[in-house]
Amino acid sequence: MKETLKVNILFYDLDNKVEMDLNEAQIKAINPEFSIKYLIEEAHNLNGTLLKFNDGMKRIVNTDINYEDKDNPIRTIIFKFQNEEKAIY
């Protein structure tokens, strides 16, 4: 029997110091190319990617991945982003 991977995807705004737990529709709204599967598979390759928020364009500058293990069965992926003009990635 195949085990199901449990993943928690979070977004962290470095400018406002706010963590966001977005649903799939909200994720599509910030970047139409994003899907949950895509974010999981490409997490390491998304630095520099633009995100569209109500307060302007943001850019992913860092990605933290905490892999699942025997003590924590859920993989957590945190995409850290900031205003496009200030972003260094």
C-alpha atoms as a PDB file:
ATOM      1  CA  MET A   1       0.000   0.000   0.000  1.00  0.00           C
ATOM      2  CA  LYS A   2       1.331   3.430  -0.985  1.00  0.00           C
ATOM      3  CA  GLU A   3       1.714   5.967   1.818  1.00  0.00           C
ATOM      4  CA  THR A   4       0.328   9.458   1.362  1.00  0.00           C
ATOM      5  CA  LEU A   5       2.759  12.323   1.741  1.00  0.00           C
ATOM      6  CA  LYS A   6       1.435  15.074   4.004  1.00  0.00           C
ATOM      7  CA  VAL A   7       2.772  18.510   3.161  1.00  0.00           C
ATOM      8  CA  ASN A   8       2.217  21.888   4.768  1.00  0.00           C
ATOM      9  CA  ILE A   9       2.986  24.779   2.382  1.00  0.00           C
ATOM     10  CA  LEU A  10       3.435  28.206   3.947  1.00  0.00           C
ATOM     11  CA  PHE A  11       4.407  31.604   2.631  1.00  0.00           C
ATOM     12  CA  TYR A  12       6.327  34.096   4.782  1.00  0.00           C
ATOM     13  CA  ASP A  13       6.377  37.811   3.981  1.00  0.00           C
ATOM     14  CA  LEU A  14       9.792  39.110   5.066  1.00  0.00           C
ATOM     15  CA  ASP A  15       8.697  42.758   4.687  1.00  0.00           C
ATOM     16  CA  ASN A  16       5.686  42.495   6.986  1.00  0.00           C
ATOM     17  CA  LYS A  17       6.953  39.543   9.055  1.00  0.00           C
ATOM     18  CA  VAL A  18       3.718  37.612   8.486  1.00  0.00           C
ATOM     19  CA  GLU A  19       3.252  33.916   7.803  1.00  0.00           C
ATOM     20  CA  MET A  20       0.478  33.005   5.366  1.00  0.00           C
ATOM     21  CA  ASP A  21      -1.259  29.675   4.991  1.00  0.00           C
ATOM     22  CA  LEU A  22      -2.876  30.022   1.554  1.00  0.00           C
ATOM     23  CA  ASN A  23      -5.467  27.722   0.000  1.00  0.00           C
ATOM     24  CA  GLU A  24      -5.090  26.414  -3.547  1.00  0.00           C
ATOM     25  CA  ALA A  25      -7.177  29.210  -5.110  1.00  0.00           C
ATOM     26  CA  GLN A  26      -5.090  31.863  -3.332  1.00  0.00           C
ATOM     27  CA  ILE A  27      -1.887  30.163  -4.484  1.00  0.00           C
ATOM     28  CA  LYS A  28      -3.127  30.239  -8.102  1.00  0.00           C
ATOM     29  CA  ALA A  29      -3.988  33.929  -7.686  1.00  0.00           C
ATOM     30  CA  ILE A  30      -0.434  34.891  -6.682  1.00  0.00           C
ATOM     31  CA  ASN A  31       1.066  32.921  -9.585  1.00  0.00           C
ATOM     32  CA  PRO A  32      -1.128  31.121 -12.156  1.00  0.00           C
ATOM     33  CA  GLU A  33       1.627  28.557 -12.856  1.00  0.00           C
ATOM     34  CA  PHE A  34       1.499  27.276  -9.282  1.00  0.00           C
ATOM     35  CA  SER A  35      -0.278  24.133  -8.191  1.00  0.00           C
ATOM     36  CA  ILE A  36       0.252  22.199  -4.985  1.00  0.00           C
ATOM     37  CA  LYS A  37       2.023  19.414  -6.895  1.00  0.00           C
ATOM     38  CA  TYR A  38       4.245  21.921  -8.712  1.00  0.00           C
ATOM     39  CA  LEU A  39       5.238  23.649  -5.457  1.00  0.00           C
ATOM     40  CA  ILE A  40       6.178  20.328  -3.864  1.00  0.00           C
ATOM     41  CA  GLU A  41       8.169  19.087  -6.870  1.00  0.00           C
ATOM     42  CA  GLU A  42       9.906  22.378  -7.700  1.00  0.00           C
ATOM     43  CA  ALA A  43      10.364  23.912  -4.230  1.00  0.00           C
ATOM     44  CA  HIS A  44      14.166  24.171  -4.562  1.00  0.00           C
ATOM     45  CA  ASN A  45      13.947  25.836  -7.975  1.00  0.00           C
ATOM     46  CA  LEU A  46      11.556  28.698  -7.249  1.00  0.00           C
ATOM     47  CA  ASN A  47      13.902  31.357  -5.853  1.00  0.00           C
ATOM     48  CA  GLY A  48      13.433  34.498  -7.906  1.00  0.00           C
ATOM     49  CA  THR A  49       9.870  33.641  -8.914  1.00  0.00           C
ATOM     50  CA  LEU A  50       7.448  36.590  -8.924  1.00  0.00           C
ATOM     51  CA  LEU A  51       4.257  36.572  -6.864  1.00  0.00           C
ATOM     52  CA  LYS A  52       1.397  39.036  -7.342  1.00  0.00           C
ATOM     53  CA  PHE A  53      -0.185  40.338  -4.129  1.00  0.00           C
ATOM     54  CA  ASN A  54      -2.642  43.194  -3.542  1.00  0.00           C
ATOM     55  CA  ASP A  55       0.188  45.394  -2.241  1.00  0.00           C
ATOM     56  CA  GLY A  56       2.453  44.735  -5.239  1.00  0.00           C
ATOM     57  CA  MET A  57       4.853  42.266  -6.766  1.00  0.00           C
ATOM     58  CA  LYS A  58       6.928  40.113  -4.454  1.00  0.00           C
ATOM     59  CA  ARG A  59       9.779  37.730  -5.222  1.00  0.00           C
ATOM     60  CA  ILE A  60      10.644  34.412  -3.574  1.00  0.00           C
ATOM     61  CA  VAL A  61      14.081  34.857  -2.009  1.00  0.00           C
ATOM     62  CA  ASN A  62      14.433  31.675   0.047  1.00  0.00           C
ATOM     63  CA  THR A  63      12.808  28.291   0.509  1.00  0.00           C
ATOM     64  CA  ASP A  64      13.023  26.223   3.699  1.00  0.00           C
ATOM     65  CA  ILE A  65      12.066  22.569   3.557  1.00  0.00           C
ATOM     66  CA  ASN A  66      11.645  20.533   6.720  1.00  0.00           C
ATOM     67  CA  TYR A  67      11.407  16.923   5.628  1.00  0.00           C
ATOM     68  CA  GLU A  68       9.189  14.412   7.365  1.00  0.00           C
ATOM     69  CA  ASP A  69      10.760  11.880   9.724  1.00  0.00           C
ATOM     70  CA  LYS A  70       9.689   9.404  12.404  1.00  0.00           C
ATOM     71  CA  ASP A  71       8.973  12.234  14.882  1.00  0.00           C
ATOM     72  CA  ASN A  72       7.177  14.532  12.440  1.00  0.00           C
ATOM     73  CA  PRO A  73       5.174  12.876   9.638  1.00  0.00           C
ATOM     74  CA  ILE A  74       4.473  16.146   7.792  1.00  0.00           C
ATOM     75  CA  ARG A  75       6.840  17.859   5.339  1.00  0.00           C
ATOM     76  CA  THR A  76       6.780  21.652   5.689  1.00  0.00           C
ATOM     77  CA  ILE A  77       7.791  23.950   2.842  1.00  0.00           C
ATOM     78  CA  ILE A  78       8.123  27.656   3.600  1.00  0.00           C
ATOM     79  CA  PHE A  79       8.531  30.102   0.728  1.00  0.00           C
ATOM     80  CA  LYS A  80      10.006  33.380   1.976  1.00  0.00           C
ATOM     81  CA  PHE A  81       9.393  36.432  -0.163  1.00  0.00           C
ATOM     82  CA  GLN A  82       9.791  40.204  -0.143  1.00  0.00           C
ATOM     83  CA  ASN A  83       9.106  43.260  -2.287  1.00  0.00           C
ATOM     84  CA  GLU A  84      10.509  42.861  -5.768  1.00  0.00           C
ATOM     85  CA  GLU A  85      12.740  45.960  -5.510  1.00  0.00           C
ATOM     86  CA  LYS A  86      14.480  44.772  -2.315  1.00  0.00           C
ATOM     87  CA  ALA A  87      14.723  41.090  -3.194  1.00  0.00           C
ATOM     88  CA  ILE A  88      18.157  39.492  -3.279  1.00  0.00           C
ATOM     89  CA  TYR A  89      18.017  35.824  -4.143  1.00  0.00           C
END
